[in-house]
Amino acid sequence: MSIIASLLSIASGFALMGYREPPANLIATSIVIDLSLAPLTAIIASRHGRSTIRWAVAGLALGAWALAAVMIIPPRRTAPPRPDAPQYPPTSDAA
């Protein structure tokens, strides 16, 4: 059980903070933190044009590390609009 607690503390970032608790408390706290960071990671990933499902799973598995990674990775570039594409919203005389 202490191996699982150690792995979860590394994944959630508690190992860097020196968080020392009994394994049961460490596992519970790490799971709660990872469950709360997964949606946040997915939201930031969607705003950067990345896959929300993949980043939510990464946030659940890696916690603070996935959150840091999605914030560091630059957003995807979108293609510039084509010059012949219609302009929206239409002007008032087009309606």
PDB file of N, CA and C in Angstrom:
ATOM      1  N   MET A   1       0.822  -1.189   0.000  1.00  0.00           N
ATOM      2  CA  MET A   1       0.000   0.000   0.000  1.00  0.00           C
ATOM      3  C   MET A   1       0.866   1.252   0.000  1.00  0.00           C
ATOM      4  N   SER A   2       2.038   1.170   0.587  1.00  0.00           N
ATOM      5  CA  SER A   2       2.907   2.340   0.622  1.00  0.00           C
ATOM      6  C   SER A   2       3.483   2.642  -0.759  1.00  0.00           C
ATOM      7  N   ILE A   3       3.629   1.616  -1.618  1.00  0.00           N
ATOM      8  CA  ILE A   3       4.118   1.856  -2.977  1.00  0.00           C
ATOM      9  C   ILE A   3       3.075   2.634  -3.769  1.00  0.00           C
ATOM     10  N   ILE A   4       1.814   2.250  -3.632  1.00  0.00           N
ATOM     11  CA  ILE A   4       0.727   2.973  -4.321  1.00  0.00           C
ATOM     12  C   ILE A   4       0.664   4.404  -3.814  1.00  0.00           C
ATOM     13  N   ALA A   5       0.797   4.589  -2.518  1.00  0.00           N
ATOM     14  CA  ALA A   5       0.775   5.936  -1.937  1.00  0.00           C
ATOM     15  C   ALA A   5       1.938   6.767  -2.455  1.00  0.00           C
ATOM     16  N   SER A   6       3.102   6.148  -2.576  1.00  0.00           N
ATOM     17  CA  SER A   6       4.267   6.878  -3.092  1.00  0.00           C
ATOM     18  C   SER A   6       4.071   7.282  -4.550  1.00  0.00           C
ATOM     19  N   LEU A   7       3.546   6.368  -5.358  1.00  0.00           N
ATOM     20  CA  LEU A   7       3.299   6.689  -6.769  1.00  0.00           C
ATOM     21  C   LEU A   7       2.261   7.791  -6.915  1.00  0.00           C
ATOM     22  N   LEU A   8       1.198   7.711  -6.141  1.00  0.00           N
ATOM     23  CA  LEU A   8       0.176   8.759  -6.210  1.00  0.00           C
ATOM     24  C   LEU A   8       0.697  10.095  -5.700  1.00  0.00           C
ATOM     25  N   SER A   9       1.557  10.074  -4.709  1.00  0.00           N
ATOM     26  CA  SER A   9       2.106  11.344  -4.217  1.00  0.00           C
ATOM     27  C   SER A   9       3.028  11.979  -5.241  1.00  0.00           C
ATOM     28  N   ILE A  10       3.741  11.171  -5.998  1.00  0.00           N
ATOM     29  CA  ILE A  10       4.580  11.713  -7.074  1.00  0.00           C
ATOM     30  C   ILE A  10       3.708  12.260  -8.195  1.00  0.00           C
ATOM     31  N   ALA A  11       2.659  11.512  -8.567  1.00  0.00           N
ATOM     32  CA  ALA A  11       1.780  11.935  -9.656  1.00  0.00           C
ATOM     33  C   ALA A  11       1.014  13.202  -9.313  1.00  0.00           C
ATOM     34  N   SER A  12       0.561  13.324  -8.080  1.00  0.00           N
ATOM     35  CA  SER A  12      -0.228  14.497  -7.718  1.00  0.00           C
ATOM     36  C   SER A  12       0.630  15.691  -7.318  1.00  0.00           C
ATOM     37  N   GLY A  13       1.916  15.491  -7.115  1.00  0.00           N
ATOM     38  CA  GLY A  13       2.799  16.593  -6.782  1.00  0.00           C
ATOM     39  C   GLY A  13       3.068  16.747  -5.299  1.00  0.00           C
ATOM     40  N   PHE A  14       2.488  15.879  -4.478  1.00  0.00           N
ATOM     41  CA  PHE A  14       2.709  15.976  -3.036  1.00  0.00           C
ATOM     42  C   PHE A  14       4.130  15.624  -2.638  1.00  0.00           C
ATOM     43  N   ALA A  15       4.796  14.798  -3.410  1.00  0.00           N
ATOM     44  CA  ALA A  15       6.160  14.399  -3.067  1.00  0.00           C
ATOM     45  C   ALA A  15       7.095  15.603  -3.078  1.00  0.00           C
ATOM     46  N   LEU A  16       6.855  16.548  -3.969  1.00  0.00           N
ATOM     47  CA  LEU A  16       7.693  17.748  -4.023  1.00  0.00           C
ATOM     48  C   LEU A  16       7.478  18.658  -2.819  1.00  0.00           C
ATOM     49  N   MET A  17       6.285  18.605  -2.257  1.00  0.00           N
ATOM     50  CA  MET A  17       5.967  19.464  -1.124  1.00  0.00           C
ATOM     51  C   MET A  17       6.406  18.865   0.204  1.00  0.00           C
ATOM     52  N   GLY A  18       6.823  17.610   0.179  1.00  0.00           N
ATOM     53  CA  GLY A  18       7.223  16.969   1.421  1.00  0.00           C
ATOM     54  C   GLY A  18       6.038  16.574   2.275  1.00  0.00           C
ATOM     55  N   TYR A  19       4.903  16.321   1.658  1.00  0.00           N
ATOM     56  CA  TYR A  19       3.677  15.943   2.355  1.00  0.00           C
ATOM     57  C   TYR A  19       3.832  14.533   2.888  1.00  0.00           C
ATOM     58  N   ARG A  20       3.874  14.357   4.193  1.00  0.00           N
ATOM     59  CA  ARG A  20       4.070  13.051   4.816  1.00  0.00           C
ATOM     60  C   ARG A  20       2.854  12.732   5.681  1.00  0.00           C
ATOM     61  N   GLU A  21       2.120  11.754   5.254  1.00  0.00           N
ATOM     62  CA  GLU A  21       0.946  11.281   5.980  1.00  0.00           C
ATOM     63  C   GLU A  21       0.930   9.767   5.908  1.00  0.00           C
ATOM     64  N   PRO A  22       0.074   9.118   6.680  1.00  0.00           N
ATOM     65  CA  PRO A  22      -0.084   7.672   6.520  1.00  0.00           C
ATOM     66  C   PRO A  22      -0.562   7.349   5.097  1.00  0.00           C
ATOM     67  N   PRO A  23      -0.231   6.164   4.587  1.00  0.00           N
ATOM     68  CA  PRO A  23      -0.573   5.829   3.205  1.00  0.00           C
ATOM     69  C   PRO A  23      -2.055   5.985   2.865  1.00  0.00           C
ATOM     70  N   ALA A  24      -2.944   5.635   3.763  1.00  0.00           N
ATOM     71  CA  ALA A  24      -4.384   5.754   3.474  1.00  0.00           C
ATOM     72  C   ALA A  24      -4.779   7.216   3.266  1.00  0.00           C
ATOM     73  N   ASN A  25      -4.277   8.105   4.106  1.00  0.00           N
ATOM     74  CA  ASN A  25      -4.574   9.531   3.950  1.00  0.00           C
ATOM     75  C   ASN A  25      -3.959  10.092   2.676  1.00  0.00           C
ATOM     76  N   LEU A  26      -2.765   9.670   2.367  1.00  0.00           N
ATOM     77  CA  LEU A  26      -2.079  10.138   1.169  1.00  0.00           C
ATOM     78  C   LEU A  26      -2.808   9.689  -0.092  1.00  0.00           C
ATOM     79  N   ILE A  27      -3.263   8.446  -0.111  1.00  0.00           N
ATOM     80  CA  ILE A  27      -4.006   7.933  -1.267  1.00  0.00           C
ATOM     81  C   ILE A  27      -5.317   8.700  -1.431  1.00  0.00           C
ATOM     82  N   ALA A  28      -6.053   8.871  -0.352  1.00  0.00           N
ATOM     83  CA  ALA A  28      -7.336   9.581  -0.427  1.00  0.00           C
ATOM     84  C   ALA A  28      -7.149  11.031  -0.874  1.00  0.00           C
ATOM     85  N   THR A  29      -6.178  11.700  -0.307  1.00  0.00           N
ATOM     86  CA  THR A  29      -5.933  13.097  -0.667  1.00  0.00           C
ATOM     87  C   THR A  29      -5.476  13.219  -2.115  1.00  0.00           C
ATOM     88  N   SER A  30      -4.612  12.335  -2.554  1.00  0.00           N
ATOM     89  CA  SER A  30      -4.135  12.373  -3.943  1.00  0.00           C
ATOM     90  C   SER A  30      -5.270  12.123  -4.927  1.00  0.00           C
ATOM     91  N   ILE A  31      -6.142  11.188  -4.612  1.00  0.00           N
ATOM     92  CA  ILE A  31      -7.276  10.905  -5.501  1.00  0.00           C
ATOM     93  C   ILE A  31      -8.209  12.107  -5.582  1.00  0.00           C
ATOM     94  N   VAL A  32      -8.486  12.737  -4.459  1.00  0.00           N
ATOM     95  CA  VAL A  32      -9.368  13.911  -4.461  1.00  0.00           C
ATOM     96  C   VAL A  32      -8.741  15.053  -5.259  1.00  0.00           C
ATOM     97  N   ILE A  33      -7.466  15.281  -5.076  1.00  0.00           N
ATOM     98  CA  ILE A  33      -6.774  16.345  -5.820  1.00  0.00           C
ATOM     99  C   ILE A  33      -6.780  16.047  -7.317  1.00  0.00           C
ATOM    100  N   ASP A  34      -6.474  14.800  -7.678  1.00  0.00           N
ATOM    101  CA  ASP A  34      -6.466  14.439  -9.097  1.00  0.00           C
ATOM    102  C   ASP A  34      -7.861  14.536  -9.710  1.00  0.00           C
ATOM    103  N   LEU A  35      -8.893  14.164  -8.962  1.00  0.00           N
ATOM    104  CA  LEU A  35     -10.267  14.297  -9.465  1.00  0.00           C
ATOM    105  C   LEU A  35     -10.667  15.757  -9.655  1.00  0.00           C
ATOM    106  N   SER A  36     -10.139  16.633  -8.831  1.00  0.00           N
ATOM    107  CA  SER A  36     -10.468  18.050  -8.996  1.00  0.00           C
ATOM    108  C   SER A  36      -9.631  18.720 -10.083  1.00  0.00           C
ATOM    109  N   LEU A  37      -8.432  18.219 -10.344  1.00  0.00           N
ATOM    110  CA  LEU A  37      -7.584  18.808 -11.375  1.00  0.00           C
ATOM    111  C   LEU A  37      -7.928  18.323 -12.780  1.00  0.00           C
ATOM    112  N   ALA A  38      -8.559  17.163 -12.902  1.00  0.00           N
ATOM    113  CA  ALA A  38      -8.887  16.619 -14.225  1.00  0.00           C
ATOM    114  C   ALA A  38      -9.814  17.541 -15.022  1.00  0.00           C
ATOM    115  N   PRO A  39     -10.932  18.032 -14.458  1.00  0.00           N
ATOM    116  CA  PRO A  39     -11.773  18.943 -15.247  1.00  0.00           C
ATOM    117  C   PRO A  39     -11.083  20.272 -15.563  1.00  0.00           C
ATOM    118  N   LEU A  40     -10.300  20.766 -14.625  1.00  0.00           N
ATOM    119  CA  LEU A  40      -9.576  22.017 -14.861  1.00  0.00           C
ATOM    120  C   LEU A  40      -8.577  21.858 -16.007  1.00  0.00           C
ATOM    121  N   THR A  41      -7.886  20.733 -16.024  1.00  0.00           N
ATOM    122  CA  THR A  41      -6.949  20.450 -17.104  1.00  0.00           C
ATOM    123  C   THR A  41      -7.672  20.332 -18.432  1.00  0.00           C
ATOM    124  N   ALA A  42      -8.837  19.690 -18.438  1.00  0.00           N
ATOM    125  CA  ALA A  42      -9.614  19.539 -19.671  1.00  0.00           C
ATOM    126  C   ALA A  42     -10.114  20.883 -20.188  1.00  0.00           C
ATOM    127  N   ILE A  43     -10.527  21.764 -19.305  1.00  0.00           N
ATOM    128  CA  ILE A  43     -11.016  23.087 -19.719  1.00  0.00           C
ATOM    129  C   ILE A  43      -9.889  23.900 -20.340  1.00  0.00           C
ATOM    130  N   ILE A  44      -8.736  23.901 -19.713  1.00  0.00           N
ATOM    131  CA  ILE A  44      -7.602  24.647 -20.264  1.00  0.00           C
ATOM    132  C   ILE A  44      -7.170  24.047 -21.594  1.00  0.00           C
ATOM    133  N   ALA A  45      -7.201  22.720 -21.700  1.00  0.00           N
ATOM    134  CA  ALA A  45      -6.829  22.064 -22.957  1.00  0.00           C
ATOM    135  C   ALA A  45      -7.800  22.434 -24.077  1.00  0.00           C
ATOM    136  N   SER A  46      -9.093  22.493 -23.780  1.00  0.00           N
ATOM    137  CA  SER A  46     -10.059  22.849 -24.828  1.00  0.00           C
ATOM    138  C   SER A  46      -9.867  24.289 -25.275  1.00  0.00           C
ATOM    139  N   ARG A  47      -9.491  25.157 -24.375  1.00  0.00           N
ATOM    140  CA  ARG A  47      -9.233  26.554 -24.755  1.00  0.00           C
ATOM    141  C   ARG A  47      -7.961  26.696 -25.574  1.00  0.00           C
ATOM    142  N   HIS A  48      -7.071  25.726 -25.453  1.00  0.00           N
ATOM    143  CA  HIS A  48      -5.837  25.722 -26.249  1.00  0.00           C
ATOM    144  C   HIS A  48      -5.988  24.917 -27.527  1.00  0.00           C
ATOM    145  N   GLY A  49      -7.186  24.403 -27.793  1.00  0.00           N
ATOM    146  CA  GLY A  49      -7.422  23.649 -29.014  1.00  0.00           C
ATOM    147  C   GLY A  49      -6.939  22.212 -28.944  1.00  0.00           C
ATOM    148  N   ARG A  50      -6.852  21.663 -27.762  1.00  0.00           N
ATOM    149  CA  ARG A  50      -6.387  20.288 -27.564  1.00  0.00           C
ATOM    150  C   ARG A  50      -7.574  19.389 -27.218  1.00  0.00           C
ATOM    151  N   SER A  51      -7.341  18.080 -27.245  1.00  0.00           N
ATOM    152  CA  SER A  51      -8.377  17.095 -26.941  1.00  0.00           C
ATOM    153  C   SER A  51      -8.742  17.147 -25.455  1.00  0.00           C
ATOM    154  N   THR A  52     -10.012  17.373 -25.172  1.00  0.00           N
ATOM    155  CA  THR A  52     -10.432  17.465 -23.771  1.00  0.00           C
ATOM    156  C   THR A  52     -10.411  16.107 -23.082  1.00  0.00           C
ATOM    157  N   ILE A  53     -10.812  15.068 -23.798  1.00  0.00           N
ATOM    158  CA  ILE A  53     -10.847  13.741 -23.187  1.00  0.00           C
ATOM    159  C   ILE A  53      -9.429  13.276 -22.825  1.00  0.00           C
ATOM    160  N   ARG A  54      -8.514  13.430 -23.756  1.00  0.00           N
ATOM    161  CA  ARG A  54      -7.137  12.993 -23.486  1.00  0.00           C
ATOM    162  C   ARG A  54      -6.524  13.749 -22.315  1.00  0.00           C
ATOM    163  N   TRP A  55      -6.755  15.049 -22.263  1.00  0.00           N
ATOM    164  CA  TRP A  55      -6.164  15.834 -21.190  1.00  0.00           C
ATOM    165  C   TRP A  55      -6.884  15.611 -19.870  1.00  0.00           C
ATOM    166  N   ALA A  56      -8.177  15.284 -19.911  1.00  0.00           N
ATOM    167  CA  ALA A  56      -8.878  14.948 -18.667  1.00  0.00           C
ATOM    168  C   ALA A  56      -8.319  13.654 -18.083  1.00  0.00           C
ATOM    169  N   VAL A  57      -8.065  12.673 -18.939  1.00  0.00           N
ATOM    170  CA  VAL A  57      -7.466  11.420 -18.472  1.00  0.00           C
ATOM    171  C   VAL A  57      -6.049  11.678 -17.952  1.00  0.00           C
ATOM    172  N   ALA A  58      -5.304  12.512 -18.650  1.00  0.00           N
ATOM    173  CA  ALA A  58      -3.956  12.847 -18.184  1.00  0.00           C
ATOM    174  C   ALA A  58      -4.026  13.590 -16.847  1.00  0.00           C
ATOM    175  N   GLY A  59      -4.996  14.476 -16.700  1.00  0.00           N
ATOM    176  CA  GLY A  59      -5.160  15.187 -15.434  1.00  0.00           C
ATOM    177  C   GLY A  59      -5.554  14.263 -14.305  1.00  0.00           C
ATOM    178  N   LEU A  60      -6.332  13.232 -14.627  1.00  0.00           N
ATOM    179  CA  LEU A  60      -6.711  12.260 -13.615  1.00  0.00           C
ATOM    180  C   LEU A  60      -5.528  11.386 -13.222  1.00  0.00           C
ATOM    181  N   ALA A  61      -4.707  11.037 -14.184  1.00  0.00           N
ATOM    182  CA  ALA A  61      -3.573  10.148 -13.904  1.00  0.00           C
ATOM    183  C   ALA A  61      -2.367  10.898 -13.338  1.00  0.00           C
ATOM    184  N   LEU A  62      -2.118  12.105 -13.834  1.00  0.00           N
ATOM    185  CA  LEU A  62      -0.884  12.808 -13.474  1.00  0.00           C
ATOM    186  C   LEU A  62      -1.092  14.069 -12.646  1.00  0.00           C
ATOM    187  N   GLY A  63      -2.315  14.470 -12.434  1.00  0.00           N
ATOM    188  CA  GLY A  63      -2.623  15.588 -11.551  1.00  0.00           C
ATOM    189  C   GLY A  63      -1.959  16.898 -11.925  1.00  0.00           C
ATOM    190  N   ALA A  64      -1.154  17.402 -11.005  1.00  0.00           N
ATOM    191  CA  ALA A  64      -0.527  18.710 -11.180  1.00  0.00           C
ATOM    192  C   ALA A  64       0.441  18.738 -12.358  1.00  0.00           C
ATOM    193  N   TRP A  65       1.046  17.599 -12.676  1.00  0.00           N
ATOM    194  CA  TRP A  65       1.987  17.548 -13.797  1.00  0.00           C
ATOM    195  C   TRP A  65       1.259  17.782 -15.122  1.00  0.00           C
ATOM    196  N   ALA A  66       0.077  17.188 -15.284  1.00  0.00           N
ATOM    197  CA  ALA A  66      -0.693  17.398 -16.512  1.00  0.00           C
ATOM    198  C   ALA A  66      -1.185  18.834 -16.598  1.00  0.00           C
ATOM    199  N   LEU A  67      -1.589  19.393 -15.478  1.00  0.00           N
ATOM    200  CA  LEU A  67      -2.028  20.789 -15.470  1.00  0.00           C
ATOM    201  C   LEU A  67      -0.887  21.717 -15.875  1.00  0.00           C
ATOM    202  N   ALA A  68       0.292  21.479 -15.336  1.00  0.00           N
ATOM    203  CA  ALA A  68       1.449  22.298 -15.706  1.00  0.00           C
ATOM    204  C   ALA A  68       1.793  22.131 -17.185  1.00  0.00           C
ATOM    205  N   ALA A  69       1.710  20.904 -17.670  1.00  0.00           N
ATOM    206  CA  ALA A  69       2.046  20.646 -19.076  1.00  0.00           C
ATOM    207  C   ALA A  69       1.078  21.333 -20.020  1.00  0.00           C
ATOM    208  N   VAL A  70      -0.219  21.266 -19.724  1.00  0.00           N
ATOM    209  CA  VAL A  70      -1.196  21.878 -20.627  1.00  0.00           C
ATOM    210  C   VAL A  70      -1.102  23.403 -20.591  1.00  0.00           C
ATOM    211  N   MET A  71      -0.625  23.948 -19.490  1.00  0.00           N
ATOM    212  CA  MET A  71      -0.459  25.398 -19.421  1.00  0.00           C
ATOM    213  C   MET A  71       0.811  25.850 -20.134  1.00  0.00           C
ATOM    214  N   ILE A  72       1.825  24.993 -20.193  1.00  0.00           N
ATOM    215  CA  ILE A  72       3.083  25.344 -20.848  1.00  0.00           C
ATOM    216  C   ILE A  72       3.019  25.160 -22.353  1.00  0.00           C
ATOM    217  N   ILE A  73       2.337  24.103 -22.801  1.00  0.00           N
ATOM    218  CA  ILE A  73       2.250  23.824 -24.239  1.00  0.00           C
ATOM    219  C   ILE A  73       1.500  24.957 -24.924  1.00  0.00           C
ATOM    220  N   PRO A  74       2.064  25.521 -25.986  1.00  0.00           N
ATOM    221  CA  PRO A  74       1.390  26.639 -26.646  1.00  0.00           C
ATOM    222  C   PRO A  74       0.111  26.189 -27.343  1.00  0.00           C
ATOM    223  N   PRO A  75      -0.862  27.097 -27.473  1.00  0.00           N
ATOM    224  CA  PRO A  75      -2.115  26.747 -28.154  1.00  0.00           C
ATOM    225  C   PRO A  75      -1.869  26.382 -29.613  1.00  0.00           C
ATOM    226  N   ARG A  76      -2.763  25.561 -30.141  1.00  0.00           N
ATOM    227  CA  ARG A  76      -2.660  25.218 -31.555  1.00  0.00           C
ATOM    228  C   ARG A  76      -3.026  26.427 -32.389  1.00  0.00           C
ATOM    229  N   ARG A  77      -2.351  26.536 -33.493  1.00  0.00           N
ATOM    230  CA  ARG A  77      -2.644  27.639 -34.409  1.00  0.00           C
ATOM    231  C   ARG A  77      -3.837  27.258 -35.262  1.00  0.00           C
ATOM    232  N   THR A  78      -4.722  28.200 -35.443  1.00  0.00           N
ATOM    233  CA  THR A  78      -5.860  27.957 -36.322  1.00  0.00           C
ATOM    234  C   THR A  78      -5.527  28.515 -37.696  1.00  0.00           C
ATOM    235  N   ALA A  79      -6.131  27.944 -38.703  1.00  0.00           N
ATOM    236  CA  ALA A  79      -5.890  28.399 -40.067  1.00  0.00           C
ATOM    237  C   ALA A  79      -6.494  29.792 -40.247  1.00  0.00           C
ATOM    238  N   PRO A  80      -5.795  30.676 -40.933  1.00  0.00           N
ATOM    239  CA  PRO A  80      -6.372  32.004 -41.163  1.00  0.00           C
ATOM    240  C   PRO A  80      -7.596  31.884 -42.075  1.00  0.00           C
ATOM    241  N   PRO A  81      -8.556  32.775 -41.929  1.00  0.00           N
ATOM    242  CA  PRO A  81      -9.751  32.688 -42.769  1.00  0.00           C
ATOM    243  C   PRO A  81      -9.415  32.923 -44.241  1.00  0.00           C
ATOM    244  N   ARG A  82     -10.104  32.186 -45.078  1.00  0.00           N
ATOM    245  CA  ARG A  82      -9.889  32.342 -46.518  1.00  0.00           C
ATOM    246  C   ARG A  82     -10.445  33.689 -46.969  1.00  0.00           C
ATOM    247  N   PRO A  83      -9.804  34.314 -47.950  1.00  0.00           N
ATOM    248  CA  PRO A  83     -10.305  35.618 -48.399  1.00  0.00           C
ATOM    249  C   PRO A  83     -11.663  35.509 -49.082  1.00  0.00           C
ATOM    250  N   ASP A  84     -11.991  34.362 -49.684  1.00  0.00           N
ATOM    251  CA  ASP A  84     -13.271  34.233 -50.380  1.00  0.00           C
ATOM    252  C   ASP A  84     -14.380  33.720 -49.458  1.00  0.00           C
ATOM    253  N   ALA A  85     -14.084  33.488 -48.188  1.00  0.00           N
ATOM    254  CA  ALA A  85     -15.092  33.007 -47.253  1.00  0.00           C
ATOM    255  C   ALA A  85     -16.054  34.147 -46.924  1.00  0.00           C
ATOM    256  N   PRO A  86     -17.341  33.815 -46.730  1.00  0.00           N
ATOM    257  CA  PRO A  86     -18.306  34.865 -46.386  1.00  0.00           C
ATOM    258  C   PRO A  86     -18.005  35.440 -45.005  1.00  0.00           C
ATOM    259  N   GLN A  87     -18.235  36.705 -44.860  1.00  0.00           N
ATOM    260  CA  GLN A  87     -17.986  37.392 -43.605  1.00  0.00           C
ATOM    261  C   GLN A  87     -19.248  37.329 -42.742  1.00  0.00           C
ATOM    262  N   TYR A  88     -19.101  36.845 -41.539  1.00  0.00           N
ATOM    263  CA  TYR A  88     -20.224  36.753 -40.613  1.00  0.00           C
ATOM    264  C   TYR A  88     -19.941  37.612 -39.418  1.00  0.00           C
ATOM    265  N   PRO A  89     -20.900  38.224 -38.852  1.00  0.00           N
ATOM    266  CA  PRO A  89     -22.299  38.274 -39.256  1.00  0.00           C
ATOM    267  C   PRO A  89     -22.474  39.142 -40.484  1.00  0.00           C
ATOM    268  N   PRO A  90     -23.539  38.872 -41.235  1.00  0.00           N
ATOM    269  CA  PRO A  90     -23.749  39.669 -42.439  1.00  0.00           C
ATOM    270  C   PRO A  90     -24.074  41.124 -42.097  1.00  0.00           C
ATOM    271  N   THR A  91     -23.750  41.999 -43.041  1.00  0.00           N
ATOM    272  CA  THR A  91     -24.051  43.409 -42.826  1.00  0.00           C
ATOM    273  C   THR A  91     -25.555  43.625 -42.898  1.00  0.00           C
ATOM    274  N   SER A  92     -26.011  44.771 -42.419  1.00  0.00           N
ATOM    275  CA  SER A  92     -27.454  45.016 -42.338  1.00  0.00           C
ATOM    276  C   SER A  92     -28.112  45.067 -43.717  1.00  0.00           C
ATOM    277  N   ASP A  93     -27.418  45.496 -44.771  1.00  0.00           N
ATOM    278  CA  ASP A  93     -28.043  45.554 -46.090  1.00  0.00           C
ATOM    279  C   ASP A  93     -28.127  44.174 -46.740  1.00  0.00           C
ATOM    280  N   ALA A  94     -27.405  43.184 -46.219  1.00  0.00           N
ATOM    281  CA  ALA A  94     -27.459  41.844 -46.798  1.00  0.00           C
ATOM    282  C   ALA A  94     -28.681  41.077 -46.292  1.00  0.00           C
ATOM    283  N   ALA A  95     -29.282  41.518 -45.231  1.00  0.00           N
ATOM    284  CA  ALA A  95     -30.431  40.791 -44.654  1.00  0.00           C
ATOM    285  C   ALA A  95     -31.660  41.134 -45.347  1.00  0.00           C
TER     286      ALA A  95
END
